[in-house]
Amino acid sequence: MERIENHLVGIDQGDVVLFSDFENGGDMWTGSGERERRRAVGFGEAFNRPPMVHTSISLWDVDTKSPVRIEVTAQNVTTLGFDIVFRTWLDTRIARLRVAWLAIGEVANEDDWRIY
């Protein structure tokens, strides 16, 4: 469990179109085997320390002729942002994908003392 030491909790969220490969014949739609897409996301303001980040698929448009194999994660989480990482493999074909994210963590208080 993440314990937040500060009484100020920041929540930031967003929804990112990760790709739309159907229109341009991209590899998520036409390819096979292991494939990956990454997208850097910045927070609206900095957290005191790296927040907890949750990702989920908010839109998927997939070919159902084969099993749907999908992994979506948050990686490289810092106080300023993170990377959304999407992976698929084998013969899964994905036309387009959108990912929602939610970051929860400790934020600065205007009364905090900063000693340099």
PDB file of N, CA and C in Angstrom:
ATOM      1  N   MET A   1       0.844  -1.179   0.000  1.00  0.00           N
ATOM      2  CA  MET A   1       0.000   0.000   0.000  1.00  0.00           C
ATOM      3  C   MET A   1       0.888   1.239   0.000  1.00  0.00           C
ATOM      4  N   GLU A   2       0.525   2.195  -0.776  1.00  0.00           N
ATOM      5  CA  GLU A   2       1.213   3.484  -0.820  1.00  0.00           C
ATOM      6  C   GLU A   2       0.652   4.366   0.290  1.00  0.00           C
ATOM      7  N   ARG A   3       1.519   4.894   1.124  1.00  0.00           N
ATOM      8  CA  ARG A   3       1.087   5.814   2.186  1.00  0.00           C
ATOM      9  C   ARG A   3       1.517   7.218   1.805  1.00  0.00           C
ATOM     10  N   ILE A   4       0.584   8.138   1.826  1.00  0.00           N
ATOM     11  CA  ILE A   4       0.863   9.519   1.471  1.00  0.00           C
ATOM     12  C   ILE A   4       1.051  10.295   2.761  1.00  0.00           C
ATOM     13  N   GLU A   5       2.249  10.865   2.931  1.00  0.00           N
ATOM     14  CA  GLU A   5       2.615  11.523   4.179  1.00  0.00           C
ATOM     15  C   GLU A   5       2.028  12.918   4.321  1.00  0.00           C
ATOM     16  N   ASN A   6       1.575  13.478   3.275  1.00  0.00           N
ATOM     17  CA  ASN A   6       1.104  14.849   3.237  1.00  0.00           C
ATOM     18  C   ASN A   6      -0.416  14.854   3.223  1.00  0.00           C
ATOM     19  N   HIS A   7      -1.016  15.871   3.792  1.00  0.00           N
ATOM     20  CA  HIS A   7      -2.480  15.948   3.739  1.00  0.00           C
ATOM     21  C   HIS A   7      -2.979  16.469   2.390  1.00  0.00           C
ATOM     22  N   LEU A   8      -2.057  16.873   1.519  1.00  0.00           N
ATOM     23  CA  LEU A   8      -2.449  17.329   0.190  1.00  0.00           C
ATOM     24  C   LEU A   8      -2.222  16.216  -0.827  1.00  0.00           C
ATOM     25  N   VAL A   9      -3.305  15.722  -1.367  1.00  0.00           N
ATOM     26  CA  VAL A   9      -3.245  14.655  -2.356  1.00  0.00           C
ATOM     27  C   VAL A   9      -3.611  15.247  -3.709  1.00  0.00           C
ATOM     28  N   GLY A  10      -2.752  15.015  -4.687  1.00  0.00           N
ATOM     29  CA  GLY A  10      -3.017  15.483  -6.041  1.00  0.00           C
ATOM     30  C   GLY A  10      -3.523  14.349  -6.905  1.00  0.00           C
ATOM     31  N   ILE A  11      -4.485  14.656  -7.749  1.00  0.00           N
ATOM     32  CA  ILE A  11      -5.029  13.691  -8.701  1.00  0.00           C
ATOM     33  C   ILE A  11      -4.991  14.334 -10.077  1.00  0.00           C
ATOM     34  N   ASP A  12      -4.361  13.655 -11.010  1.00  0.00           N
ATOM     35  CA  ASP A  12      -4.309  14.126 -12.391  1.00  0.00           C
ATOM     36  C   ASP A  12      -4.810  12.981 -13.261  1.00  0.00           C
ATOM     37  N   GLN A  13      -5.421  13.305 -14.381  1.00  0.00           N
ATOM     38  CA  GLN A  13      -5.950  12.261 -15.253  1.00  0.00           C
ATOM     39  C   GLN A  13      -5.942  12.723 -16.690  1.00  0.00           C
ATOM     40  N   GLY A  14      -6.066  11.756 -17.593  1.00  0.00           N
ATOM     41  CA  GLY A  14      -6.104  12.085 -19.006  1.00  0.00           C
ATOM     42  C   GLY A  14      -6.557  10.903 -19.836  1.00  0.00           C
ATOM     43  N   ASP A  15      -6.678  11.144 -21.119  1.00  0.00           N
ATOM     44  CA  ASP A  15      -7.111  10.144 -22.082  1.00  0.00           C
ATOM     45  C   ASP A  15      -6.302  10.398 -23.351  1.00  0.00           C
ATOM     46  N   VAL A  16      -5.522   9.412 -23.788  1.00  0.00           N
ATOM     47  CA  VAL A  16      -4.557   9.594 -24.866  1.00  0.00           C
ATOM     48  C   VAL A  16      -4.852   8.626 -26.005  1.00  0.00           C
ATOM     49  N   VAL A  17      -4.961   9.148 -27.224  1.00  0.00           N
ATOM     50  CA  VAL A  17      -5.028   8.281 -28.399  1.00  0.00           C
ATOM     51  C   VAL A  17      -3.608   7.787 -28.624  1.00  0.00           C
ATOM     52  N   LEU A  18      -3.409   6.490 -28.457  1.00  0.00           N
ATOM     53  CA  LEU A  18      -2.068   5.938 -28.581  1.00  0.00           C
ATOM     54  C   LEU A  18      -1.703   5.700 -30.039  1.00  0.00           C
ATOM     55  N   PHE A  19      -2.654   5.199 -30.833  1.00  0.00           N
ATOM     56  CA  PHE A  19      -2.416   5.041 -32.259  1.00  0.00           C
ATOM     57  C   PHE A  19      -3.730   4.795 -32.979  1.00  0.00           C
ATOM     58  N   SER A  20      -3.692   5.027 -34.286  1.00  0.00           N
ATOM     59  CA  SER A  20      -4.799   4.729 -35.182  1.00  0.00           C
ATOM     60  C   SER A  20      -4.175   4.179 -36.458  1.00  0.00           C
ATOM     61  N   ASP A  21      -3.885   2.879 -36.460  1.00  0.00           N
ATOM     62  CA  ASP A  21      -3.126   2.265 -37.553  1.00  0.00           C
ATOM     63  C   ASP A  21      -3.981   1.766 -38.706  1.00  0.00           C
ATOM     64  N   PHE A  22      -5.288   1.727 -38.543  1.00  0.00           N
ATOM     65  CA  PHE A  22      -6.158   1.228 -39.610  1.00  0.00           C
ATOM     66  C   PHE A  22      -6.076   2.120 -40.839  1.00  0.00           C
ATOM     67  N   GLU A  23      -6.113   3.439 -40.625  1.00  0.00           N
ATOM     68  CA  GLU A  23      -6.137   4.390 -41.740  1.00  0.00           C
ATOM     69  C   GLU A  23      -4.847   4.419 -42.539  1.00  0.00           C
ATOM     70  N   ASN A  24      -3.710   4.220 -41.862  1.00  0.00           N
ATOM     71  CA  ASN A  24      -2.429   4.349 -42.567  1.00  0.00           C
ATOM     72  C   ASN A  24      -1.692   3.024 -42.749  1.00  0.00           C
ATOM     73  N   GLY A  25      -2.339   1.899 -42.423  1.00  0.00           N
ATOM     74  CA  GLY A  25      -1.710   0.597 -42.614  1.00  0.00           C
ATOM     75  C   GLY A  25      -0.537   0.343 -41.695  1.00  0.00           C
ATOM     76  N   GLY A  26      -0.581   0.926 -40.484  1.00  0.00           N
ATOM     77  CA  GLY A  26       0.505   0.764 -39.519  1.00  0.00           C
ATOM     78  C   GLY A  26       0.661  -0.668 -39.035  1.00  0.00           C
ATOM     79  N   ASP A  27       1.771  -0.925 -38.349  1.00  0.00           N
ATOM     80  CA  ASP A  27       2.123  -2.294 -37.972  1.00  0.00           C
ATOM     81  C   ASP A  27       1.194  -2.916 -36.930  1.00  0.00           C
ATOM     82  N   MET A  28       0.479  -2.129 -36.141  1.00  0.00           N
ATOM     83  CA  MET A  28      -0.468  -2.724 -35.195  1.00  0.00           C
ATOM     84  C   MET A  28      -1.646  -3.362 -35.939  1.00  0.00           C
ATOM     85  N   TRP A  29      -1.952  -2.845 -37.125  1.00  0.00           N
ATOM     86  CA  TRP A  29      -3.048  -3.379 -37.932  1.00  0.00           C
ATOM     87  C   TRP A  29      -2.568  -4.414 -38.945  1.00  0.00           C
ATOM     88  N   THR A  30      -1.415  -4.197 -39.543  1.00  0.00           N
ATOM     89  CA  THR A  30      -0.957  -5.074 -40.619  1.00  0.00           C
ATOM     90  C   THR A  30       0.136  -6.054 -40.188  1.00  0.00           C
ATOM     91  N   GLY A  31       0.769  -5.801 -39.054  1.00  0.00           N
ATOM     92  CA  GLY A  31       1.901  -6.617 -38.643  1.00  0.00           C
ATOM     93  C   GLY A  31       1.505  -7.839 -37.832  1.00  0.00           C
ATOM     94  N   SER A  32       2.523  -8.579 -37.425  1.00  0.00           N
ATOM     95  CA  SER A  32       2.335  -9.720 -36.543  1.00  0.00           C
ATOM     96  C   SER A  32       3.578  -9.841 -35.674  1.00  0.00           C
ATOM     97  N   GLY A  33       3.514 -10.719 -34.690  1.00  0.00           N
ATOM     98  CA  GLY A  33       4.639 -10.861 -33.770  1.00  0.00           C
ATOM     99  C   GLY A  33       4.579  -9.815 -32.677  1.00  0.00           C
ATOM    100  N   GLU A  34       5.652  -9.700 -31.922  1.00  0.00           N
ATOM    101  CA  GLU A  34       5.702  -8.737 -30.827  1.00  0.00           C
ATOM    102  C   GLU A  34       5.774  -7.317 -31.373  1.00  0.00           C
ATOM    103  N   ARG A  35       4.879  -6.460 -30.863  1.00  0.00           N
ATOM    104  CA  ARG A  35       4.846  -5.050 -31.253  1.00  0.00           C
ATOM    105  C   ARG A  35       4.614  -4.201 -30.014  1.00  0.00           C
ATOM    106  N   GLU A  36       5.165  -2.988 -30.038  1.00  0.00           N
ATOM    107  CA  GLU A  36       5.061  -2.109 -28.872  1.00  0.00           C
ATOM    108  C   GLU A  36       4.926  -0.667 -29.326  1.00  0.00           C
ATOM    109  N   ARG A  37       4.142   0.100 -28.581  1.00  0.00           N
ATOM    110  CA  ARG A  37       4.056   1.558 -28.755  1.00  0.00           C
ATOM    111  C   ARG A  37       4.225   2.200 -27.390  1.00  0.00           C
ATOM    112  N   ARG A  38       4.916   3.344 -27.367  1.00  0.00           N
ATOM    113  CA  ARG A  38       5.126   4.124 -26.146  1.00  0.00           C
ATOM    114  C   ARG A  38       4.687   5.556 -26.395  1.00  0.00           C
ATOM    115  N   ARG A  39       4.189   6.188 -25.348  1.00  0.00           N
ATOM    116  CA  ARG A  39       3.825   7.603 -25.440  1.00  0.00           C
ATOM    117  C   ARG A  39       4.162   8.265 -24.111  1.00  0.00           C
ATOM    118  N   ALA A  40       4.959   9.317 -24.161  1.00  0.00           N
ATOM    119  CA  ALA A  40       5.290  10.086 -22.958  1.00  0.00           C
ATOM    120  C   ALA A  40       4.110  10.966 -22.587  1.00  0.00           C
ATOM    121  N   VAL A  41       3.798  11.018 -21.288  1.00  0.00           N
ATOM    122  CA  VAL A  41       2.702  11.821 -20.766  1.00  0.00           C
ATOM    123  C   VAL A  41       3.265  12.709 -19.656  1.00  0.00           C
ATOM    124  N   GLY A  42       2.948  13.995 -19.698  1.00  0.00           N
ATOM    125  CA  GLY A  42       3.362  14.919 -18.648  1.00  0.00           C
ATOM    126  C   GLY A  42       2.199  15.271 -17.748  1.00  0.00           C
ATOM    127  N   PHE A  43       2.483  15.415 -16.465  1.00  0.00           N
ATOM    128  CA  PHE A  43       1.445  15.823 -15.513  1.00  0.00           C
ATOM    129  C   PHE A  43       1.211  17.326 -15.600  1.00  0.00           C
ATOM    130  N   GLY A  44       0.040  17.779 -15.162  1.00  0.00           N
ATOM    131  CA  GLY A  44      -0.300  19.196 -15.157  1.00  0.00           C
ATOM    132  C   GLY A  44       0.605  20.013 -14.250  1.00  0.00           C
ATOM    133  N   GLU A  45       1.053  19.399 -13.166  1.00  0.00           N
ATOM    134  CA  GLU A  45       2.048  20.008 -12.278  1.00  0.00           C
ATOM    135  C   GLU A  45       2.797  18.875 -11.588  1.00  0.00           C
ATOM    136  N   ALA A  46       3.947  19.189 -11.028  1.00  0.00           N
ATOM    137  CA  ALA A  46       4.793  18.153 -10.434  1.00  0.00           C
ATOM    138  C   ALA A  46       4.220  17.622  -9.126  1.00  0.00           C
ATOM    139  N   PHE A  47       4.409  16.343  -8.899  1.00  0.00           N
ATOM    140  CA  PHE A  47       4.123  15.724  -7.606  1.00  0.00           C
ATOM    141  C   PHE A  47       5.376  15.837  -6.745  1.00  0.00           C
ATOM    142  N   ASN A  48       5.243  15.659  -5.420  1.00  0.00           N
ATOM    143  CA  ASN A  48       6.415  15.680  -4.527  1.00  0.00           C
ATOM    144  C   ASN A  48       7.337  14.501  -4.779  1.00  0.00           C
ATOM    145  N   ARG A  49       6.761  13.350  -5.094  1.00  0.00           N
ATOM    146  CA  ARG A  49       7.503  12.146  -5.432  1.00  0.00           C
ATOM    147  C   ARG A  49       6.687  11.399  -6.481  1.00  0.00           C
ATOM    148  N   PRO A  50       7.249  10.418  -7.129  1.00  0.00           N
ATOM    149  CA  PRO A  50       6.489   9.730  -8.182  1.00  0.00           C
ATOM    150  C   PRO A  50       5.150   9.199  -7.667  1.00  0.00           C
ATOM    151  N   PRO A  51       4.056   9.537  -8.340  1.00  0.00           N
ATOM    152  CA  PRO A  51       2.731   9.103  -7.896  1.00  0.00           C
ATOM    153  C   PRO A  51       2.430   7.672  -8.330  1.00  0.00           C
ATOM    154  N   MET A  52       1.344   7.142  -7.829  1.00  0.00           N
ATOM    155  CA  MET A  52       0.812   5.872  -8.311  1.00  0.00           C
ATOM    156  C   MET A  52       0.057   6.195  -9.604  1.00  0.00           C
ATOM    157  N   VAL A  53       0.294   5.431 -10.660  1.00  0.00           N
ATOM    158  CA  VAL A  53      -0.351   5.676 -11.949  1.00  0.00           C
ATOM    159  C   VAL A  53      -1.107   4.418 -12.373  1.00  0.00           C
ATOM    160  N   HIS A  54      -2.360   4.609 -12.734  1.00  0.00           N
ATOM    161  CA  HIS A  54      -3.216   3.528 -13.224  1.00  0.00           C
ATOM    162  C   HIS A  54      -3.542   3.802 -14.687  1.00  0.00           C
ATOM    163  N   THR A  55      -3.411   2.784 -15.524  1.00  0.00           N
ATOM    164  CA  THR A  55      -3.779   2.916 -16.930  1.00  0.00           C
ATOM    165  C   THR A  55      -4.882   1.917 -17.254  1.00  0.00           C
ATOM    166  N   SER A  56      -5.736   2.294 -18.196  1.00  0.00           N
ATOM    167  CA  SER A  56      -6.792   1.388 -18.664  1.00  0.00           C
ATOM    168  C   SER A  56      -7.139   1.738 -20.105  1.00  0.00           C
ATOM    169  N   ILE A  57      -7.662   0.770 -20.796  1.00  0.00           N
ATOM    170  CA  ILE A  57      -8.068   0.993 -22.183  1.00  0.00           C
ATOM    171  C   ILE A  57      -9.428   1.677 -22.179  1.00  0.00           C
ATOM    172  N   SER A  58      -9.512   2.826 -22.834  1.00  0.00           N
ATOM    173  CA  SER A  58     -10.790   3.541 -22.907  1.00  0.00           C
ATOM    174  C   SER A  58     -11.458   3.383 -24.273  1.00  0.00           C
ATOM    175  N   LEU A  59     -10.699   2.928 -25.266  1.00  0.00           N
ATOM    176  CA  LEU A  59     -11.272   2.610 -26.572  1.00  0.00           C
ATOM    177  C   LEU A  59     -10.357   1.615 -27.256  1.00  0.00           C
ATOM    178  N   TRP A  60     -10.947   0.567 -27.786  1.00  0.00           N
ATOM    179  CA  TRP A  60     -10.183  -0.337 -28.631  1.00  0.00           C
ATOM    180  C   TRP A  60     -11.026  -0.731 -29.816  1.00  0.00           C
ATOM    181  N   ASP A  61     -10.386  -0.817 -30.941  1.00  0.00           N
ATOM    182  CA  ASP A  61     -11.006  -1.226 -32.192  1.00  0.00           C
ATOM    183  C   ASP A  61     -10.117  -2.345 -32.719  1.00  0.00           C
ATOM    184  N   VAL A  62     -10.589  -3.597 -32.579  1.00  0.00           N
ATOM    185  CA  VAL A  62      -9.749  -4.747 -32.873  1.00  0.00           C
ATOM    186  C   VAL A  62     -10.422  -5.689 -33.864  1.00  0.00           C
ATOM    187  N   ASP A  63      -9.595  -6.422 -34.572  1.00  0.00           N
ATOM    188  CA  ASP A  63     -10.057  -7.493 -35.447  1.00  0.00           C
ATOM    189  C   ASP A  63     -10.317  -8.711 -34.561  1.00  0.00           C
ATOM    190  N   THR A  64     -11.496  -9.322 -34.687  1.00  0.00           N
ATOM    191  CA  THR A  64     -11.865 -10.441 -33.819  1.00  0.00           C
ATOM    192  C   THR A  64     -11.646 -11.806 -34.461  1.00  0.00           C
ATOM    193  N   LYS A  65     -10.924 -11.844 -35.574  1.00  0.00           N
ATOM    194  CA  LYS A  65     -10.652 -13.132 -36.228  1.00  0.00           C
ATOM    195  C   LYS A  65      -9.621 -13.956 -35.462  1.00  0.00           C
ATOM    196  N   SER A  66      -8.861 -13.312 -34.585  1.00  0.00           N
ATOM    197  CA  SER A  66      -7.886 -14.010 -33.756  1.00  0.00           C
ATOM    198  C   SER A  66      -8.030 -13.503 -32.324  1.00  0.00           C
ATOM    199  N   PRO A  67      -7.441 -14.207 -31.354  1.00  0.00           N
ATOM    200  CA  PRO A  67      -7.541 -13.752 -29.960  1.00  0.00           C
ATOM    201  C   PRO A  67      -6.953 -12.350 -29.785  1.00  0.00           C
ATOM    202  N   VAL A  68      -7.529 -11.597 -28.867  1.00  0.00           N
ATOM    203  CA  VAL A  68      -7.043 -10.250 -28.558  1.00  0.00           C
ATOM    204  C   VAL A  68      -6.013 -10.380 -27.440  1.00  0.00           C
ATOM    205  N   ARG A  69      -4.785  -9.978 -27.736  1.00  0.00           N
ATOM    206  CA  ARG A  69      -3.689 -10.050 -26.769  1.00  0.00           C
ATOM    207  C   ARG A  69      -3.172  -8.634 -26.559  1.00  0.00           C
ATOM    208  N   ILE A  70      -3.389  -8.101 -25.357  1.00  0.00           N
ATOM    209  CA  ILE A  70      -3.060  -6.701 -25.096  1.00  0.00           C
ATOM    210  C   ILE A  70      -2.482  -6.551 -23.694  1.00  0.00           C
ATOM    211  N   GLU A  71      -1.454  -5.719 -23.587  1.00  0.00           N
ATOM    212  CA  GLU A  71      -0.907  -5.319 -22.291  1.00  0.00           C
ATOM    213  C   GLU A  71      -0.717  -3.806 -22.318  1.00  0.00           C
ATOM    214  N   VAL A  72      -1.214  -3.118 -21.304  1.00  0.00           N
ATOM    215  CA  VAL A  72      -1.040  -1.667 -21.166  1.00  0.00           C
ATOM    216  C   VAL A  72      -0.498  -1.397 -19.773  1.00  0.00           C
ATOM    217  N   THR A  73       0.631  -0.677 -19.704  1.00  0.00           N
ATOM    218  CA  THR A  73       1.244  -0.374 -18.417  1.00  0.00           C
ATOM    219  C   THR A  73       1.752   1.066 -18.386  1.00  0.00           C
ATOM    220  N   ALA A  74       2.047   1.527 -17.172  1.00  0.00           N
ATOM    221  CA  ALA A  74       2.732   2.804 -16.958  1.00  0.00           C
ATOM    222  C   ALA A  74       4.164   2.471 -16.555  1.00  0.00           C
ATOM    223  N   GLN A  75       5.136   3.076 -17.232  1.00  0.00           N
ATOM    224  CA  GLN A  75       6.542   2.844 -16.912  1.00  0.00           C
ATOM    225  C   GLN A  75       7.259   4.173 -16.776  1.00  0.00           C
ATOM    226  N   ASN A  76       8.420   4.128 -16.161  1.00  0.00           N
ATOM    227  CA  ASN A  76       9.282   5.309 -15.993  1.00  0.00           C
ATOM    228  C   ASN A  76       8.533   6.458 -15.323  1.00  0.00           C
ATOM    229  N   VAL A  77       7.796   6.155 -14.268  1.00  0.00           N
ATOM    230  CA  VAL A  77       7.020   7.175 -13.558  1.00  0.00           C
ATOM    231  C   VAL A  77       7.971   8.073 -12.766  1.00  0.00           C
ATOM    232  N   THR A  78       7.844   9.388 -12.983  1.00  0.00           N
ATOM    233  CA  THR A  78       8.615  10.387 -12.242  1.00  0.00           C
ATOM    234  C   THR A  78       7.642  11.393 -11.644  1.00  0.00           C
ATOM    235  N   THR A  79       8.162  12.409 -11.000  1.00  0.00           N
ATOM    236  CA  THR A  79       7.305  13.465 -10.447  1.00  0.00           C
ATOM    237  C   THR A  79       6.668  14.317 -11.536  1.00  0.00           C
ATOM    238  N   LEU A  80       7.225  14.255 -12.753  1.00  0.00           N
ATOM    239  CA  LEU A  80       6.757  15.102 -13.854  1.00  0.00           C
ATOM    240  C   LEU A  80       5.917  14.378 -14.903  1.00  0.00           C
ATOM    241  N   GLY A  81       5.991  13.034 -14.952  1.00  0.00           N
ATOM    242  CA  GLY A  81       5.249  12.310 -15.975  1.00  0.00           C
ATOM    243  C   GLY A  81       5.606  10.835 -16.001  1.00  0.00           C
ATOM    244  N   PHE A  82       5.208  10.164 -17.069  1.00  0.00           N
ATOM    245  CA  PHE A  82       5.438   8.727 -17.215  1.00  0.00           C
ATOM    246  C   PHE A  82       5.281   8.339 -18.680  1.00  0.00           C
ATOM    247  N   ASP A  83       5.551   7.081 -18.982  1.00  0.00           N
ATOM    248  CA  ASP A  83       5.354   6.531 -20.319  1.00  0.00           C
ATOM    249  C   ASP A  83       4.206   5.536 -20.296  1.00  0.00           C
ATOM    250  N   ILE A  84       3.263   5.683 -21.230  1.00  0.00           N
ATOM    251  CA  ILE A  84       2.268   4.639 -21.464  1.00  0.00           C
ATOM    252  C   ILE A  84       2.924   3.640 -22.405  1.00  0.00           C
ATOM    253  N   VAL A  85       2.874   2.361 -22.050  1.00  0.00           N
ATOM    254  CA  VAL A  85       3.470   1.321 -22.880  1.00  0.00           C
ATOM    255  C   VAL A  85       2.380   0.327 -23.251  1.00  0.00           C
ATOM    256  N   PHE A  86       2.217   0.115 -24.551  1.00  0.00           N
ATOM    257  CA  PHE A  86       1.237  -0.829 -25.072  1.00  0.00           C
ATOM    258  C   PHE A  86       1.979  -1.932 -25.807  1.00  0.00           C
ATOM    259  N   ARG A  87       1.584  -3.180 -25.556  1.00  0.00           N
ATOM    260  CA  ARG A  87       2.194  -4.317 -26.245  1.00  0.00           C
ATOM    261  C   ARG A  87       1.116  -5.273 -26.739  1.00  0.00           C
ATOM    262  N   THR A  88       1.407  -5.897 -27.877  1.00  0.00           N
ATOM    263  CA  THR A  88       0.607  -7.005 -28.383  1.00  0.00           C
ATOM    264  C   THR A  88       1.550  -7.987 -29.044  1.00  0.00           C
ATOM    265  N   TRP A  89       1.067  -9.156 -29.419  1.00  0.00           N
ATOM    266  CA  TRP A  89       1.924 -10.190 -29.987  1.00  0.00           C
ATOM    267  C   TRP A  89       1.112 -11.157 -30.840  1.00  0.00           C
ATOM    268  N   LEU A  90       1.846 -12.060 -31.485  1.00  0.00           N
ATOM    269  CA  LEU A  90       1.297 -13.059 -32.410  1.00  0.00           C
ATOM    270  C   LEU A  90       0.467 -12.387 -33.504  1.00  0.00           C
ATOM    271  N   ASP A  91      -0.756 -12.876 -33.777  1.00  0.00           N
ATOM    272  CA  ASP A  91      -1.532 -12.380 -34.918  1.00  0.00           C
ATOM    273  C   ASP A  91      -2.642 -11.394 -34.543  1.00  0.00           C
ATOM    274  N   THR A  92      -2.585 -10.824 -33.335  1.00  0.00           N
ATOM    275  CA  THR A  92      -3.579  -9.828 -32.925  1.00  0.00           C
ATOM    276  C   THR A  92      -3.451  -8.589 -33.809  1.00  0.00           C
ATOM    277  N   ARG A  93      -4.601  -8.102 -34.305  1.00  0.00           N
ATOM    278  CA  ARG A  93      -4.634  -6.906 -35.156  1.00  0.00           C
ATOM    279  C   ARG A  93      -5.471  -5.838 -34.466  1.00  0.00           C
ATOM    280  N   ILE A  94      -4.878  -4.658 -34.292  1.00  0.00           N
ATOM    281  CA  ILE A  94      -5.553  -3.570 -33.595  1.00  0.00           C
ATOM    282  C   ILE A  94      -5.582  -2.348 -34.493  1.00  0.00           C
ATOM    283  N   ALA A  95      -6.793  -1.872 -34.774  1.00  0.00           N
ATOM    284  CA  ALA A  95      -6.960  -0.720 -35.665  1.00  0.00           C
ATOM    285  C   ALA A  95      -6.625   0.581 -34.947  1.00  0.00           C
ATOM    286  N   ARG A  96      -7.159   0.746 -33.733  1.00  0.00           N
ATOM    287  CA  ARG A  96      -6.879   1.970 -32.966  1.00  0.00           C
ATOM    288  C   ARG A  96      -7.065   1.687 -31.485  1.00  0.00           C
ATOM    289  N   LEU A  97      -6.382   2.514 -30.671  1.00  0.00           N
ATOM    290  CA  LEU A  97      -6.415   2.312 -29.234  1.00  0.00           C
ATOM    291  C   LEU A  97      -6.283   3.647 -28.519  1.00  0.00           C
ATOM    292  N   ARG A  98      -7.096   3.819 -27.488  1.00  0.00           N
ATOM    293  CA  ARG A  98      -7.015   4.995 -26.617  1.00  0.00           C
ATOM    294  C   ARG A  98      -6.841   4.504 -25.182  1.00  0.00           C
ATOM    295  N   VAL A  99      -5.991   5.189 -24.415  1.00  0.00           N
ATOM    296  CA  VAL A  99      -5.682   4.783 -23.048  1.00  0.00           C
ATOM    297  C   VAL A  99      -6.018   5.919 -22.088  1.00  0.00           C
ATOM    298  N   ALA A 100      -6.791   5.590 -21.054  1.00  0.00           N
ATOM    299  CA  ALA A 100      -7.076   6.534 -19.968  1.00  0.00           C
ATOM    300  C   ALA A 100      -6.054   6.296 -18.855  1.00  0.00           C
ATOM    301  N   TRP A 101      -5.707   7.351 -18.134  1.00  0.00           N
ATOM    302  CA  TRP A 101      -4.755   7.207 -17.034  1.00  0.00           C
ATOM    303  C   TRP A 101      -5.180   8.077 -15.856  1.00  0.00           C
ATOM    304  N   LEU A 102      -4.749   7.659 -14.675  1.00  0.00           N
ATOM    305  CA  LEU A 102      -5.059   8.363 -13.430  1.00  0.00           C
ATOM    306  C   LEU A 102      -3.822   8.313 -12.547  1.00  0.00           C
ATOM    307  N   ALA A 103      -3.358   9.466 -12.098  1.00  0.00           N
ATOM    308  CA  ALA A 103      -2.189   9.551 -11.214  1.00  0.00           C
ATOM    309  C   ALA A 103      -2.633  10.148  -9.877  1.00  0.00           C
ATOM    310  N   ILE A 104      -2.233   9.496  -8.791  1.00  0.00           N
ATOM    311  CA  ILE A 104      -2.586   9.951  -7.448  1.00  0.00           C
ATOM    312  C   ILE A 104      -1.311   9.977  -6.620  1.00  0.00           C
ATOM    313  N   GLY A 105      -1.050  11.120  -6.005  1.00  0.00           N
ATOM    314  CA  GLY A 105       0.152  11.223  -5.189  1.00  0.00           C
ATOM    315  C   GLY A 105       0.197  12.480  -4.365  1.00  0.00           C
ATOM    316  N   GLU A 106       1.275  12.594  -3.652  1.00  0.00           N
ATOM    317  CA  GLU A 106       1.495  13.710  -2.746  1.00  0.00           C
ATOM    318  C   GLU A 106       1.924  14.952  -3.525  1.00  0.00           C
ATOM    319  N   VAL A 107       1.326  16.094  -3.217  1.00  0.00           N
ATOM    320  CA  VAL A 107       1.694  17.356  -3.854  1.00  0.00           C
ATOM    321  C   VAL A 107       2.151  18.347  -2.801  1.00  0.00           C
ATOM    322  N   ALA A 108       2.805  19.398  -3.239  1.00  0.00           N
ATOM    323  CA  ALA A 108       3.359  20.395  -2.326  1.00  0.00           C
ATOM    324  C   ALA A 108       2.265  21.230  -1.685  1.00  0.00           C
ATOM    325  N   ASN A 109       2.546  21.649  -0.484  1.00  0.00           N
ATOM    326  CA  ASN A 109       1.693  22.563   0.259  1.00  0.00           C
ATOM    327  C   ASN A 109       2.357  23.935   0.210  1.00  0.00           C
ATOM    328  N   GLU A 110       1.603  24.986   0.045  1.00  0.00           N
ATOM    329  CA  GLU A 110       2.206  26.324  -0.023  1.00  0.00           C
ATOM    330  C   GLU A 110       2.919  26.690   1.269  1.00  0.00           C
ATOM    331  N   ASP A 111       2.603  26.015   2.365  1.00  0.00           N
ATOM    332  CA  ASP A 111       3.271  26.281   3.652  1.00  0.00           C
ATOM    333  C   ASP A 111       4.506  25.412   3.874  1.00  0.00           C
ATOM    334  N   ASP A 112       4.821  24.517   2.927  1.00  0.00           N
ATOM    335  CA  ASP A 112       6.018  23.681   3.080  1.00  0.00           C
ATOM    336  C   ASP A 112       7.260  24.550   3.087  1.00  0.00           C
ATOM    337  N   TRP A 113       8.208  24.204   3.949  1.00  0.00           N
ATOM    338  CA  TRP A 113       9.489  24.901   3.999  1.00  0.00           C
ATOM    339  C   TRP A 113      10.439  24.213   3.056  1.00  0.00           C
ATOM    340  N   ARG A 114      11.094  24.974   2.236  1.00  0.00           N
ATOM    341  CA  ARG A 114      12.092  24.411   1.336  1.00  0.00           C
ATOM    342  C   ARG A 114      13.455  25.007   1.722  1.00  0.00           C
ATOM    343  N   ILE A 115      14.324  24.144   2.204  1.00  0.00           N
ATOM    344  CA  ILE A 115      15.667  24.588   2.597  1.00  0.00           C
ATOM    345  C   ILE A 115      16.619  24.165   1.498  1.00  0.00           C
ATOM    346  N   TYR A 116      17.335  25.146   0.956  1.00  0.00           N
ATOM    347  CA  TYR A 116      18.240  24.865  -0.169  1.00  0.00           C
ATOM    348  C   TYR A 116      19.672  24.719   0.283  1.00  0.00           C
TER     349      TYR A 116
END
